[in-house]
Amino acid sequence: MAGTSLSTELIGAAAAVLTTLCWLPQALKVLRSRETRDLSLVAYLAFAAGVGLWLVYGLLIGSLPVILANAVTFVLLLGILSLKLRYG
């Protein structure tokens, strides 16, 4: 991104990796256990919508850390949501 320093991009990339990877344990737990009863469908739908908007924003401004982090997070959330809908 023009005008952004390397250190700023590295901070953004680190934040993107951390906030994206935090969803991996939840997704793996749901995949293994098939237990989704305690997950709030409304909360996950709202969060997925927000992440989807962040993804669009990242695409519009051309920020690779924002795009990658939100694309991966969106995929993980869609997986969790699909299991929530399937297993209740």
N, C-alpha and C. Protein backbone atom coordinates (compact mmCIF):
# COMPACT_ATOMS: atom_id res chain seq x y z
N MET A 1 0.84 -1.17 0.00
CA MET A 1 0.00 0.00 0.00
C MET A 1 0.89 1.24 0.00
N ALA A 2 0.65 2.17 -0.86
CA ALA A 2 1.47 3.37 -0.98
C ALA A 2 1.43 4.18 0.32
N GLY A 3 2.61 4.65 0.73
CA GLY A 3 2.68 5.50 1.91
C GLY A 3 2.69 4.75 3.23
N THR A 4 2.68 3.43 3.21
CA THR A 4 2.69 2.64 4.44
C THR A 4 4.08 2.08 4.64
N SER A 5 4.62 2.27 5.83
CA SER A 5 5.98 1.80 6.10
C SER A 5 5.99 0.28 6.29
N LEU A 6 7.17 -0.29 6.11
CA LEU A 6 7.33 -1.73 6.28
C LEU A 6 6.96 -2.16 7.69
N SER A 7 7.34 -1.38 8.70
CA SER A 7 7.00 -1.75 10.08
C SER A 7 5.49 -1.73 10.30
N THR A 8 4.79 -0.80 9.69
CA THR A 8 3.33 -0.75 9.80
C THR A 8 2.71 -1.97 9.15
N GLU A 9 3.20 -2.35 7.97
CA GLU A 9 2.69 -3.55 7.29
C GLU A 9 2.98 -4.81 8.10
N LEU A 10 4.16 -4.88 8.74
CA LEU A 10 4.49 -6.04 9.57
C LEU A 10 3.59 -6.14 10.79
N ILE A 11 3.26 -5.01 11.39
CA ILE A 11 2.33 -5.01 12.52
C ILE A 11 0.96 -5.49 12.05
N GLY A 12 0.52 -5.00 10.91
CA GLY A 12 -0.76 -5.45 10.35
C GLY A 12 -0.75 -6.93 10.03
N ALA A 13 0.35 -7.41 9.48
CA ALA A 13 0.46 -8.83 9.15
C ALA A 13 0.45 -9.69 10.41
N ALA A 14 1.16 -9.25 11.44
CA ALA A 14 1.18 -10.00 12.71
C ALA A 14 -0.21 -10.04 13.32
N ALA A 15 -0.89 -8.91 13.34
CA ALA A 15 -2.25 -8.87 13.88
C ALA A 15 -3.16 -9.79 13.06
N ALA A 16 -3.01 -9.77 11.76
CA ALA A 16 -3.83 -10.61 10.89
C ALA A 16 -3.61 -12.10 11.18
N VAL A 17 -2.37 -12.49 11.33
CA VAL A 17 -2.06 -13.90 11.61
C VAL A 17 -2.65 -14.31 12.95
N LEU A 18 -2.46 -13.51 13.97
CA LEU A 18 -2.95 -13.86 15.31
C LEU A 18 -4.46 -13.93 15.37
N THR A 19 -5.14 -12.95 14.82
CA THR A 19 -6.60 -12.94 14.90
C THR A 19 -7.23 -14.00 13.99
N THR A 20 -6.53 -14.40 12.95
CA THR A 20 -7.03 -15.46 12.08
C THR A 20 -6.82 -16.82 12.71
N LEU A 21 -5.62 -17.06 13.22
CA LEU A 21 -5.31 -18.36 13.81
C LEU A 21 -6.11 -18.65 15.07
N CYS A 22 -6.62 -17.62 15.73
CA CYS A 22 -7.39 -17.86 16.94
C CYS A 22 -8.67 -18.65 16.64
N TRP A 23 -9.15 -18.64 15.40
CA TRP A 23 -10.37 -19.38 15.03
C TRP A 23 -10.09 -20.83 14.69
N LEU A 24 -8.84 -21.16 14.42
CA LEU A 24 -8.50 -22.53 14.04
C LEU A 24 -8.82 -23.55 15.14
N PRO A 25 -8.46 -23.31 16.41
CA PRO A 25 -8.82 -24.28 17.44
C PRO A 25 -10.34 -24.51 17.56
N GLN A 26 -11.13 -23.44 17.43
CA GLN A 26 -12.58 -23.58 17.51
C GLN A 26 -13.10 -24.42 16.35
N ALA A 27 -12.60 -24.13 15.16
CA ALA A 27 -13.03 -24.89 13.98
C ALA A 27 -12.65 -26.36 14.11
N LEU A 28 -11.44 -26.64 14.57
CA LEU A 28 -11.00 -28.04 14.74
C LEU A 28 -11.82 -28.74 15.82
N LYS A 29 -12.11 -28.04 16.91
CA LYS A 29 -12.90 -28.64 17.99
C LYS A 29 -14.29 -29.01 17.49
N VAL A 30 -14.91 -28.11 16.74
CA VAL A 30 -16.25 -28.37 16.21
C VAL A 30 -16.21 -29.52 15.21
N LEU A 31 -15.17 -29.54 14.37
CA LEU A 31 -15.04 -30.64 13.40
C LEU A 31 -14.90 -32.00 14.09
N ARG A 32 -14.09 -32.02 15.14
CA ARG A 32 -13.86 -33.29 15.86
C ARG A 32 -15.08 -33.74 16.66
N SER A 33 -15.69 -32.81 17.38
CA SER A 33 -16.74 -33.18 18.33
C SER A 33 -18.14 -33.15 17.71
N ARG A 34 -18.31 -32.41 16.63
CA ARG A 34 -19.64 -32.21 16.03
C ARG A 34 -20.61 -31.58 17.02
N GLU A 35 -20.07 -30.92 18.06
CA GLU A 35 -20.89 -30.31 19.11
C GLU A 35 -20.93 -28.79 18.88
N THR A 36 -22.11 -28.29 18.58
CA THR A 36 -22.26 -26.86 18.30
C THR A 36 -23.39 -26.22 19.11
N ARG A 37 -23.98 -26.98 20.01
CA ARG A 37 -25.14 -26.51 20.77
C ARG A 37 -24.85 -25.20 21.51
N ASP A 38 -23.65 -25.05 22.05
CA ASP A 38 -23.34 -23.87 22.85
C ASP A 38 -22.88 -22.67 22.03
N LEU A 39 -22.82 -22.81 20.71
CA LEU A 39 -22.41 -21.70 19.86
C LEU A 39 -23.64 -20.89 19.46
N SER A 40 -23.52 -19.60 19.54
CA SER A 40 -24.63 -18.71 19.17
C SER A 40 -24.66 -18.51 17.67
N LEU A 41 -25.73 -18.96 17.03
CA LEU A 41 -25.88 -18.80 15.59
C LEU A 41 -25.91 -17.33 15.21
N VAL A 42 -26.65 -16.53 15.96
CA VAL A 42 -26.76 -15.10 15.65
C VAL A 42 -25.39 -14.42 15.76
N ALA A 43 -24.64 -14.74 16.79
CA ALA A 43 -23.33 -14.13 16.97
C ALA A 43 -22.39 -14.52 15.83
N TYR A 44 -22.40 -15.79 15.46
CA TYR A 44 -21.52 -16.24 14.37
C TYR A 44 -21.95 -15.66 13.03
N LEU A 45 -23.25 -15.52 12.79
CA LEU A 45 -23.72 -14.90 11.55
C LEU A 45 -23.30 -13.43 11.49
N ALA A 46 -23.46 -12.72 12.60
CA ALA A 46 -23.06 -11.31 12.64
C ALA A 46 -21.56 -11.16 12.45
N PHE A 47 -20.80 -12.02 13.10
CA PHE A 47 -19.34 -11.94 12.97
C PHE A 47 -18.91 -12.27 11.54
N ALA A 48 -19.54 -13.29 10.94
CA ALA A 48 -19.21 -13.64 9.56
C ALA A 48 -19.54 -12.48 8.61
N ALA A 49 -20.65 -11.80 8.85
CA ALA A 49 -20.99 -10.64 8.03
C ALA A 49 -19.94 -9.54 8.19
N GLY A 50 -19.52 -9.30 9.42
CA GLY A 50 -18.48 -8.30 9.66
C GLY A 50 -17.17 -8.67 9.00
N VAL A 51 -16.77 -9.92 9.10
CA VAL A 51 -15.54 -10.38 8.47
C VAL A 51 -15.65 -10.27 6.95
N GLY A 52 -16.82 -10.59 6.42
CA GLY A 52 -17.04 -10.44 4.99
C GLY A 52 -16.88 -8.99 4.54
N LEU A 53 -17.39 -8.07 5.35
CA LEU A 53 -17.24 -6.65 5.03
C LEU A 53 -15.78 -6.20 5.14
N TRP A 54 -15.06 -6.72 6.14
CA TRP A 54 -13.63 -6.42 6.23
C TRP A 54 -12.89 -6.93 5.01
N LEU A 55 -13.29 -8.10 4.52
CA LEU A 55 -12.67 -8.66 3.32
C LEU A 55 -12.91 -7.74 2.12
N VAL A 56 -14.13 -7.29 1.94
CA VAL A 56 -14.44 -6.35 0.86
C VAL A 56 -13.62 -5.07 1.02
N TYR A 57 -13.56 -4.55 2.23
CA TYR A 57 -12.76 -3.36 2.50
C TYR A 57 -11.30 -3.58 2.11
N GLY A 58 -10.74 -4.72 2.53
CA GLY A 58 -9.36 -5.04 2.18
C GLY A 58 -9.14 -5.08 0.68
N LEU A 59 -10.10 -5.66 -0.03
CA LEU A 59 -10.01 -5.69 -1.49
C LEU A 59 -10.06 -4.28 -2.08
N LEU A 60 -10.93 -3.45 -1.54
CA LEU A 60 -11.07 -2.08 -2.05
C LEU A 60 -9.82 -1.23 -1.82
N ILE A 61 -9.16 -1.42 -0.68
CA ILE A 61 -7.96 -0.62 -0.40
C ILE A 61 -6.67 -1.33 -0.83
N GLY A 62 -6.78 -2.58 -1.24
CA GLY A 62 -5.62 -3.32 -1.71
C GLY A 62 -4.64 -3.71 -0.63
N SER A 63 -5.14 -4.01 0.57
CA SER A 63 -4.26 -4.39 1.68
C SER A 63 -4.19 -5.91 1.81
N LEU A 64 -3.05 -6.47 1.44
CA LEU A 64 -2.89 -7.92 1.46
C LEU A 64 -3.11 -8.53 2.85
N PRO A 65 -2.58 -7.94 3.94
CA PRO A 65 -2.84 -8.52 5.26
C PRO A 65 -4.33 -8.56 5.59
N VAL A 66 -5.06 -7.50 5.27
CA VAL A 66 -6.49 -7.45 5.55
C VAL A 66 -7.24 -8.47 4.69
N ILE A 67 -6.85 -8.58 3.43
CA ILE A 67 -7.50 -9.52 2.52
C ILE A 67 -7.27 -10.96 2.98
N LEU A 68 -6.02 -11.33 3.20
CA LEU A 68 -5.71 -12.72 3.56
C LEU A 68 -6.30 -13.12 4.90
N ALA A 69 -6.15 -12.25 5.89
CA ALA A 69 -6.66 -12.58 7.23
C ALA A 69 -8.16 -12.79 7.19
N ASN A 70 -8.86 -11.90 6.54
CA ASN A 70 -10.32 -12.00 6.54
C ASN A 70 -10.82 -13.10 5.62
N ALA A 71 -10.10 -13.40 4.55
CA ALA A 71 -10.50 -14.51 3.69
C ALA A 71 -10.38 -15.84 4.45
N VAL A 72 -9.26 -16.04 5.14
CA VAL A 72 -9.08 -17.27 5.91
C VAL A 72 -10.08 -17.35 7.06
N THR A 73 -10.24 -16.25 7.79
CA THR A 73 -11.20 -16.23 8.89
C THR A 73 -12.61 -16.51 8.39
N PHE A 74 -12.97 -15.93 7.25
CA PHE A 74 -14.30 -16.14 6.68
C PHE A 74 -14.53 -17.61 6.34
N VAL A 75 -13.52 -18.26 5.77
CA VAL A 75 -13.64 -19.68 5.45
C VAL A 75 -13.81 -20.51 6.73
N LEU A 76 -13.02 -20.21 7.76
CA LEU A 76 -13.15 -20.93 9.03
C LEU A 76 -14.54 -20.71 9.63
N LEU A 77 -15.01 -19.48 9.60
CA LEU A 77 -16.34 -19.19 10.15
C LEU A 77 -17.43 -19.88 9.35
N LEU A 78 -17.30 -19.92 8.04
CA LEU A 78 -18.29 -20.63 7.22
C LEU A 78 -18.33 -22.12 7.57
N GLY A 79 -17.15 -22.68 7.83
CA GLY A 79 -17.10 -24.08 8.25
C GLY A 79 -17.81 -24.30 9.58
N ILE A 80 -17.55 -23.43 10.53
CA ILE A 80 -18.20 -23.53 11.83
C ILE A 80 -19.71 -23.33 11.68
N LEU A 81 -20.11 -22.33 10.90
CA LEU A 81 -21.54 -22.08 10.69
C LEU A 81 -22.24 -23.25 10.00
N SER A 82 -21.58 -23.84 9.02
CA SER A 82 -22.22 -24.98 8.34
C SER A 82 -22.40 -26.15 9.28
N LEU A 83 -21.43 -26.37 10.17
CA LEU A 83 -21.58 -27.44 11.16
C LEU A 83 -22.65 -27.08 12.20
N LYS A 84 -22.74 -25.80 12.56
CA LYS A 84 -23.77 -25.35 13.49
C LYS A 84 -25.15 -25.62 12.89
N LEU A 85 -25.33 -25.30 11.62
CA LEU A 85 -26.60 -25.52 10.96
C LEU A 85 -26.91 -27.02 10.81
N ARG A 86 -25.87 -27.81 10.60
CA ARG A 86 -26.06 -29.25 10.41
C ARG A 86 -26.31 -29.99 11.73
N TYR A 87 -25.55 -29.63 12.77
CA TYR A 87 -25.62 -30.37 14.03
C TYR A 87 -26.36 -29.62 15.13
N GLY A 88 -26.79 -28.39 14.85
CA GLY A 88 -27.60 -27.65 15.80
C GLY A 88 -26.90 -27.11 16.96
